[in-house]
């Protein structure tokens, strides 16, 4: 068990660093390569001033060389596209000035509307909805509260996704009803690894799925929500960085204050109370789900294999890790923390409603089999 626990933590940490790792290759215009250009005034503490050739290595071929004199090695180079503009000035082959527009450290530090494409259009629409919801669609006049818009946006999208949650919950109930038979089949063929036995086990299992009307493709339904949740996460990160003009009214002053902080704050100490609430509400939601699932399946535990029991323990460790990871991320952004708190509380509400109806729904499903 200890070995599996350690393996789970290692895999989770690797996943976290993979998701958060940032880097870029040379020879292309990017924020990281731009910041690696060392101009003359920055050449301290062992830093070497960037030269013409080293800048070309970092950013690739320039868009324009018209204002650079190869003989005197003075002038400037320009890199331009629809999304960015970079200029580097040289004196005696040394970079002296660098300026840029349109380059950002990551997509999460890029204001909404700075980029184009179908994905950016989706983010812009969610951002506009949040903007207009922040003054209750005109009811608050010229007063715009970001926390109001964030609250309404989160609740609206979560509610629209409720049918998917309900379908996933129905599949879970069917699996719980069918689990004793599936476990018996697995116990029946335990230790029999020949191809004929494995095929018979699969056929018998599929018969159970068919009888209980279980479509395993339904397991993929929650994935349908992932793109919109990713878009919402980007909106929350990027909204405070964006001028209100992109949403339709440049004269609006968005009020981002919330209790003792503001929802664009990245200072960890001010965000710590919100991060603790994020971790607490997520842990409560996960703990209640685990407890209810364990209570519903306790009569089936004698059919569970050692591997299934170990899988349950591994999932429990993953749950603890996810709680800590979300709390850690929430410390870095008050808006994300508030957004997750709303989502976690809403999930608790969904779970409560679902649990109340679970008994009658399970009996109803059994009667149809």
Protein backbone atom coordinates (compact mmCIF):
# COMPACT_ATOMS: atom_id res chain seq x y z
CA UNK A 1 0.00 0.00 0.00
CA UNK A 2 2.84 2.35 0.88
CA UNK A 3 4.44 1.75 -2.50
CA UNK A 4 1.22 2.59 -4.36
CA UNK A 5 0.74 5.69 -2.23
CA UNK A 6 4.23 6.94 -3.07
CA UNK A 7 3.71 6.15 -6.77
CA UNK A 8 0.45 8.11 -6.77
CA UNK A 9 2.08 11.18 -5.23
CA UNK A 10 5.01 11.02 -7.68
CA UNK A 11 2.66 10.76 -10.68
CA UNK A 12 0.54 13.64 -9.41
CA UNK A 13 3.59 15.86 -8.85
CA UNK A 14 4.90 15.05 -12.34
CA UNK A 15 1.48 15.94 -13.77
CA UNK A 16 1.45 19.23 -11.90
CA UNK A 17 4.89 20.26 -13.12
CA UNK A 18 4.02 19.17 -16.65
CA UNK A 19 0.93 21.37 -16.62
CA UNK A 20 2.67 24.36 -15.09
CA UNK A 21 6.04 24.10 -16.82
CA UNK A 22 6.76 26.93 -19.17
CA UNK A 23 9.47 27.14 -21.75
CA UNK A 24 10.04 27.95 -25.36
CA UNK A 25 12.51 27.12 -28.08
CA UNK A 26 14.83 29.70 -29.57
CA UNK A 27 14.41 31.09 -33.06
CA UNK A 28 10.86 32.38 -32.55
CA UNK A 29 9.29 35.52 -31.16
CA UNK A 30 7.99 34.80 -27.68
CA UNK A 31 7.81 36.50 -24.30
CA UNK A 32 10.47 34.21 -22.82
CA UNK A 33 12.93 34.82 -25.67
CA UNK A 34 12.25 38.55 -25.55
CA UNK A 35 13.03 38.71 -21.84
CA UNK A 36 16.29 36.81 -22.49
CA UNK A 37 17.58 39.74 -24.56
CA UNK A 38 20.04 41.61 -22.32
CA UNK A 39 20.36 45.32 -23.12
CA UNK A 40 23.40 47.40 -22.15
CA UNK A 41 21.83 48.87 -19.00
CA UNK A 42 21.00 45.38 -17.72
CA UNK A 43 24.51 43.96 -18.22
CA UNK A 44 25.31 43.51 -14.54
CA UNK A 45 25.98 40.54 -12.26
CA UNK A 46 27.74 38.62 -14.97
CA UNK A 47 25.10 39.16 -17.68
CA UNK A 48 26.50 39.61 -21.18
CA UNK A 49 25.00 42.23 -23.46
CA UNK A 50 23.07 40.69 -26.35
CA UNK A 51 24.54 41.23 -29.81
CA UNK A 52 22.96 41.31 -33.25
CA UNK A 53 23.65 37.61 -33.84
CA UNK A 54 22.47 36.47 -30.39
CA UNK A 55 19.20 38.38 -30.80
CA UNK A 56 18.65 36.71 -34.20
CA UNK A 57 19.24 33.34 -32.54
CA UNK A 58 16.61 34.15 -29.90
CA UNK A 59 13.91 35.73 -32.06
CA UNK A 60 14.64 34.34 -35.51
CA UNK A 61 14.88 36.37 -38.69
CA UNK A 62 13.55 39.90 -38.36
CA UNK A 63 10.64 41.22 -40.39
CA UNK A 64 12.61 44.32 -41.33
CA UNK A 65 16.36 45.03 -41.56
CA UNK A 66 15.89 48.38 -43.33
CA UNK A 67 17.00 50.46 -40.36
CA UNK A 68 20.13 48.52 -39.46
CA UNK A 69 23.59 49.34 -40.87
CA UNK A 70 25.79 46.25 -41.11
CA UNK A 71 28.91 48.36 -41.52
CA UNK A 72 28.59 50.46 -38.37
CA UNK A 73 26.44 47.81 -36.63
CA UNK A 74 24.06 50.53 -35.53
CA UNK A 75 20.28 50.85 -35.93
CA UNK A 76 17.35 48.66 -35.06
CA UNK A 77 15.53 45.51 -36.14
CA UNK A 78 11.79 44.93 -36.16
CA UNK A 79 9.71 41.76 -35.77
CA UNK A 80 6.01 42.23 -36.52
CA UNK A 81 2.85 40.20 -36.97
CA UNK A 82 -0.88 40.70 -36.49
CA UNK A 83 -0.46 39.86 -32.78
CA UNK A 84 2.82 41.47 -31.73
CA UNK A 85 5.51 44.02 -32.50
CA UNK A 86 9.11 43.88 -31.26
CA UNK A 87 11.94 46.36 -31.79
CA UNK A 88 15.57 46.05 -30.66
CA UNK A 89 18.03 48.94 -31.01
CA UNK A 90 21.79 48.41 -31.39
CA UNK A 91 24.85 50.61 -30.94
CA UNK A 92 28.23 49.11 -31.88
CA UNK A 93 26.61 45.67 -32.14
CA UNK A 94 25.25 45.89 -28.59
CA UNK A 95 21.53 45.86 -27.75
CA UNK A 96 20.69 49.14 -26.05
CA UNK A 97 16.88 49.34 -26.13
CA UNK A 98 14.13 46.75 -26.51
CA UNK A 99 10.40 47.42 -26.78
CA UNK A 100 7.44 45.19 -27.50
CA UNK A 101 3.66 45.07 -27.65
CA UNK A 102 1.47 41.98 -27.76
CA UNK A 103 3.84 39.54 -26.03
CA UNK A 104 2.75 38.03 -22.72
CA UNK A 105 4.29 35.54 -20.33
CA UNK A 106 1.46 33.05 -20.89
CA UNK A 107 -2.10 32.92 -22.13
CA UNK A 108 -3.22 33.53 -18.54
CA UNK A 109 -1.47 36.91 -18.47
CA UNK A 110 -2.90 37.96 -21.85
CA UNK A 111 -5.86 40.37 -21.82
CA UNK A 112 -9.01 39.06 -23.48
CA UNK A 113 -9.25 40.20 -27.09
CA UNK A 114 -5.51 40.38 -27.71
CA UNK A 115 -5.57 37.14 -29.69
CA UNK A 116 -7.86 35.84 -32.42
CA UNK A 117 -9.39 32.48 -33.28
CA UNK A 118 -12.43 30.36 -32.46
CA UNK A 119 -11.24 29.56 -28.94
CA UNK A 120 -10.59 33.23 -28.19
CA UNK A 121 -14.07 34.05 -29.51
CA UNK A 122 -15.62 31.67 -26.96
CA UNK A 123 -13.60 33.27 -24.16
CA UNK A 124 -14.65 36.73 -25.34
CA UNK A 125 -18.35 35.78 -25.26
CA UNK A 126 -18.06 34.43 -21.71
CA UNK A 127 -16.18 37.59 -20.78
CA UNK A 128 -18.92 39.78 -22.25
CA UNK A 129 -21.59 37.85 -20.35
CA UNK A 130 -19.59 38.35 -17.13
CA UNK A 131 -19.22 42.06 -17.91
CA UNK A 132 -22.93 42.69 -18.43
CA UNK A 133 -23.89 40.43 -15.50
CA UNK A 134 -21.64 42.50 -13.21
CA UNK A 135 -24.23 45.29 -13.18
CA UNK A 136 -27.18 42.87 -13.33
CA UNK A 137 -27.71 43.62 -17.03
CA UNK A 138 -28.36 47.30 -16.44
CA UNK A 139 -30.24 47.17 -13.14
CA UNK A 140 -27.27 48.68 -11.26
CA UNK A 141 -26.86 51.54 -13.74
CA UNK A 142 -23.22 52.52 -14.13
CA UNK A 143 -22.05 50.42 -11.19
CA UNK A 144 -20.21 47.25 -12.15
CA UNK A 145 -19.17 44.65 -9.54
CA UNK A 146 -16.87 41.95 -10.83
CA UNK A 147 -17.84 39.53 -8.04
CA UNK A 148 -21.52 39.82 -9.08
CA UNK A 149 -20.68 39.01 -12.70
CA UNK A 150 -18.43 36.14 -11.66
CA UNK A 151 -21.14 34.72 -9.42
CA UNK A 152 -23.84 34.89 -12.10
CA UNK A 153 -21.55 33.53 -14.82
CA UNK A 154 -20.49 30.56 -12.72
CA UNK A 155 -24.00 29.68 -11.57
CA UNK A 156 -25.39 30.02 -15.10
CA UNK A 157 -22.84 27.74 -16.75
CA UNK A 158 -22.99 25.23 -13.89
CA UNK A 159 -26.77 25.11 -14.21
CA UNK A 160 -26.58 24.63 -17.98
CA UNK A 161 -24.25 21.69 -17.32
CA UNK A 162 -26.64 20.05 -14.84
CA UNK A 163 -28.15 17.65 -17.43
CA UNK A 164 -24.69 16.21 -18.05
CA UNK A 165 -24.20 15.85 -14.28
CA UNK A 166 -27.58 14.11 -14.01
CA UNK A 167 -26.77 11.68 -16.84
CA UNK A 168 -23.41 10.85 -15.25
CA UNK A 169 -25.15 10.31 -11.92
CA UNK A 170 -27.67 7.95 -13.53
CA UNK A 171 -24.81 5.94 -15.00
CA UNK A 172 -23.21 5.76 -11.55
CA UNK A 173 -26.46 4.44 -10.06
CA UNK A 174 -26.78 1.78 -12.75
CA UNK A 175 -23.19 0.71 -12.16
CA UNK A 176 -23.89 0.42 -8.42
CA UNK A 177 -26.95 -1.74 -9.08
CA UNK A 178 -25.02 -3.96 -11.49
CA UNK A 179 -21.78 -4.07 -9.50
CA UNK A 180 -22.58 -7.21 -7.44
CA UNK A 181 -23.13 -9.23 -10.62
CA UNK A 182 -20.02 -7.80 -12.26
CA UNK A 183 -17.96 -8.59 -9.17
CA UNK A 184 -19.29 -12.16 -9.13
CA UNK A 185 -18.25 -12.61 -12.76
CA UNK A 186 -14.78 -11.29 -11.99
CA UNK A 187 -14.55 -13.62 -8.99
CA UNK A 188 -15.72 -16.53 -11.15
CA UNK A 189 -12.87 -16.06 -13.61
CA UNK A 190 -10.27 -15.02 -11.06
CA UNK A 191 -6.87 -16.48 -11.91
CA UNK A 192 -8.00 -17.77 -15.32
CA UNK A 193 -5.85 -15.95 -17.83
CA UNK A 194 -6.39 -18.09 -20.92
CA UNK A 195 -7.97 -16.35 -23.90
CA UNK A 196 -11.17 -18.42 -23.89
CA UNK A 197 -11.89 -17.60 -20.22
CA UNK A 198 -11.16 -13.92 -20.76
CA UNK A 199 -13.53 -13.80 -23.75
CA UNK A 200 -16.31 -15.52 -21.77
CA UNK A 201 -15.81 -13.08 -18.90
CA UNK A 202 -16.08 -10.13 -21.28
CA UNK A 203 -19.22 -11.56 -22.90
CA UNK A 204 -20.90 -12.17 -19.55
CA UNK A 205 -19.94 -8.68 -18.38
CA UNK A 206 -21.37 -7.13 -21.55
CA UNK A 207 -24.60 -9.07 -20.99
CA UNK A 208 -24.88 -7.48 -17.55
CA UNK A 209 -24.25 -4.02 -19.05
CA UNK A 210 -26.92 -4.68 -21.67
CA UNK A 211 -29.46 -5.89 -19.12
CA UNK A 212 -28.93 -2.84 -16.91
CA UNK A 213 -28.81 -0.50 -19.95
CA UNK A 214 -25.31 0.70 -19.16
CA UNK A 215 -23.59 2.55 -21.98
CA UNK A 216 -19.92 2.95 -21.12
CA UNK A 217 -19.68 5.87 -23.54
CA UNK A 218 -21.62 7.77 -20.91
CA UNK A 219 -18.42 7.83 -18.84
CA UNK A 220 -17.11 10.32 -21.38
CA UNK A 221 -19.98 12.77 -20.86
CA UNK A 222 -18.22 14.82 -18.12
CA UNK A 223 -15.41 15.39 -20.62
CA UNK A 224 -17.89 17.41 -22.70
CA UNK A 225 -17.82 20.05 -19.98
CA UNK A 226 -14.05 20.33 -19.87
CA UNK A 227 -13.59 22.83 -22.75
CA UNK A 228 -16.10 25.26 -21.24
CA UNK A 229 -14.54 24.91 -17.77
CA UNK A 230 -11.09 25.59 -19.25
CA UNK A 231 -12.52 28.65 -21.02
CA UNK A 232 -14.10 29.86 -17.77
CA UNK A 233 -10.78 29.44 -15.97
CA UNK A 234 -9.08 31.57 -18.61
CA UNK A 235 -11.78 34.23 -18.36
CA UNK A 236 -11.36 34.49 -14.59
CA UNK A 237 -7.59 34.77 -14.94
CA UNK A 238 -7.65 37.29 -17.77
CA UNK A 239 -10.74 39.41 -17.04
CA UNK A 240 -9.03 41.76 -14.51
CA UNK A 241 -6.25 42.38 -17.07
CA UNK A 242 -8.70 43.45 -19.78
CA UNK A 243 -9.96 46.95 -20.51
CA UNK A 244 -13.75 47.27 -20.46
CA UNK A 245 -13.71 48.64 -24.00
CA UNK A 246 -13.27 45.11 -25.36
CA UNK A 247 -16.64 44.21 -23.83
CA UNK A 248 -18.48 47.21 -25.27
CA UNK A 249 -18.00 50.28 -23.04
CA UNK A 250 -14.54 51.77 -22.45
CA UNK A 251 -15.93 54.33 -19.98
CA UNK A 252 -16.92 51.70 -17.42
CA UNK A 253 -14.83 51.36 -14.28
CA UNK A 254 -15.05 47.76 -13.10
CA UNK A 255 -15.14 47.39 -9.32
CA UNK A 256 -13.03 44.31 -8.48
CA UNK A 257 -13.10 44.72 -4.68
CA UNK A 258 -14.41 41.83 -2.62
CA UNK A 259 -14.46 41.83 1.19
CA UNK A 260 -10.86 42.54 2.29
CA UNK A 261 -9.24 42.03 -1.11
CA UNK A 262 -9.87 42.45 -4.83
CA UNK A 263 -10.49 39.66 -7.32
CA UNK A 264 -7.39 40.34 -9.34
CA UNK A 265 -5.10 40.09 -6.32
CA UNK A 266 -2.11 37.74 -6.55
CA UNK A 267 -0.64 38.39 -3.09
CA UNK A 268 -0.64 35.07 -1.25
CA UNK A 269 -1.25 36.40 2.27
CA UNK A 270 -4.46 38.23 1.37
CA UNK A 271 -5.63 35.22 -0.64
CA UNK A 272 -4.84 32.66 2.07
CA UNK A 273 -8.30 32.74 3.76
CA UNK A 274 -10.01 32.22 0.39
CA UNK A 275 -7.59 29.40 -0.47
CA UNK A 276 -8.42 27.68 2.84
CA UNK A 277 -12.13 27.92 2.02
CA UNK A 278 -11.42 26.46 -1.45
CA UNK A 279 -9.63 23.50 0.10
CA UNK A 280 -12.28 23.07 2.80
CA UNK A 281 -15.28 23.13 0.46
CA UNK A 282 -13.62 20.82 -2.04
CA UNK A 283 -12.60 18.36 0.67
CA UNK A 284 -16.15 18.40 2.09
CA UNK A 285 -17.62 17.74 -1.35
CA UNK A 286 -15.21 14.88 -2.08
CA UNK A 287 -15.55 13.41 1.41
CA UNK A 288 -19.35 13.36 1.25
CA UNK A 289 -19.26 11.73 -2.18
CA UNK A 290 -16.79 9.09 -0.99
CA UNK A 291 -18.78 8.43 2.18
CA UNK A 292 -22.07 8.02 0.31
CA UNK A 293 -20.49 5.78 -2.30
CA UNK A 294 -18.95 3.61 0.42
CA UNK A 295 -22.29 3.34 2.23
CA UNK A 296 -24.08 2.30 -0.96
CA UNK A 297 -21.49 -0.31 -1.91
CA UNK A 298 -20.71 -1.79 1.53
CA UNK A 299 -22.86 -4.82 0.79
CA UNK A 300 -20.83 -5.48 -2.34
CA UNK A 301 -17.39 -5.18 -0.76
CA UNK A 302 -17.05 -8.93 -0.21
CA UNK A 303 -17.03 -9.39 -3.99
CA UNK A 304 -14.33 -6.80 -4.60
CA UNK A 305 -10.92 -7.96 -5.65
CA UNK A 306 -7.76 -6.80 -3.91
CA UNK A 307 -6.98 -4.69 -6.98
CA UNK A 308 -10.36 -2.92 -6.78
CA UNK A 309 -9.88 -2.20 -3.09
CA UNK A 310 -6.40 -0.85 -3.76
CA UNK A 311 -7.78 1.33 -6.56
CA UNK A 312 -10.25 2.88 -4.12
CA UNK A 313 -7.41 3.69 -1.71
CA UNK A 314 -5.37 5.20 -4.54
CA UNK A 315 -8.30 7.40 -5.56
CA UNK A 316 -8.55 8.58 -1.96
CA UNK A 317 -4.90 9.70 -2.04
CA UNK A 318 -5.52 11.46 -5.34
CA UNK A 319 -8.47 13.26 -3.76
CA UNK A 320 -6.23 14.62 -0.98
CA UNK A 321 -3.65 15.73 -3.51
CA UNK A 322 -6.24 17.52 -5.68
CA UNK A 323 -7.56 19.39 -2.63
CA UNK A 324 -4.04 20.59 -1.77
CA UNK A 325 -3.24 21.48 -5.40
CA UNK A 326 -6.40 23.57 -5.88
CA UNK A 327 -5.81 25.38 -2.59
CA UNK A 328 -2.23 26.08 -3.66
CA UNK A 329 -3.35 27.51 -7.02
CA UNK A 330 -6.06 29.56 -5.31
CA UNK A 331 -3.46 31.30 -3.13
CA UNK A 332 -2.06 32.88 -6.29
CA UNK A 333 -5.30 34.45 -7.55
CA UNK A 334 -8.25 35.73 -5.52
CA UNK A 335 -10.57 35.59 -8.56
CA UNK A 336 -9.82 31.90 -9.11
CA UNK A 337 -10.36 31.24 -5.40
CA UNK A 338 -13.77 32.95 -5.45
CA UNK A 339 -14.74 31.14 -8.66
CA UNK A 340 -13.82 27.75 -7.18
CA UNK A 341 -15.65 28.48 -3.94
CA UNK A 342 -18.84 29.17 -5.91
CA UNK A 343 -18.32 26.00 -7.95
CA UNK A 344 -17.62 23.85 -4.89
CA UNK A 345 -20.67 25.13 -3.01
CA UNK A 346 -22.80 24.56 -6.11
CA UNK A 347 -21.43 21.01 -6.37
CA UNK A 348 -22.40 20.42 -2.73
CA UNK A 349 -25.91 21.58 -3.61
CA UNK A 350 -26.02 19.27 -6.63
CA UNK A 351 -24.80 16.36 -4.53
CA UNK A 352 -27.43 17.06 -1.86
CA UNK A 353 -30.28 17.15 -4.39
CA UNK A 354 -28.99 14.02 -6.09
CA UNK A 355 -28.60 12.15 -2.78
CA UNK A 356 -32.13 13.01 -1.69
CA UNK A 357 -33.56 11.53 -4.88
CA UNK A 358 -31.12 8.62 -5.08
CA UNK A 359 -33.22 6.08 -3.19
CA UNK A 360 -36.39 6.56 -5.22
CA UNK A 361 -34.42 6.80 -8.45
CA UNK A 362 -32.58 3.55 -7.73
CA UNK A 363 -35.85 1.75 -7.01
CA UNK A 364 -37.29 3.18 -10.21
CA UNK A 365 -34.31 1.92 -12.21
CA UNK A 366 -34.53 -1.53 -10.62
CA UNK A 367 -38.22 -1.78 -11.53
CA UNK A 368 -37.40 -1.16 -15.21
CA UNK A 369 -34.81 -3.93 -15.40
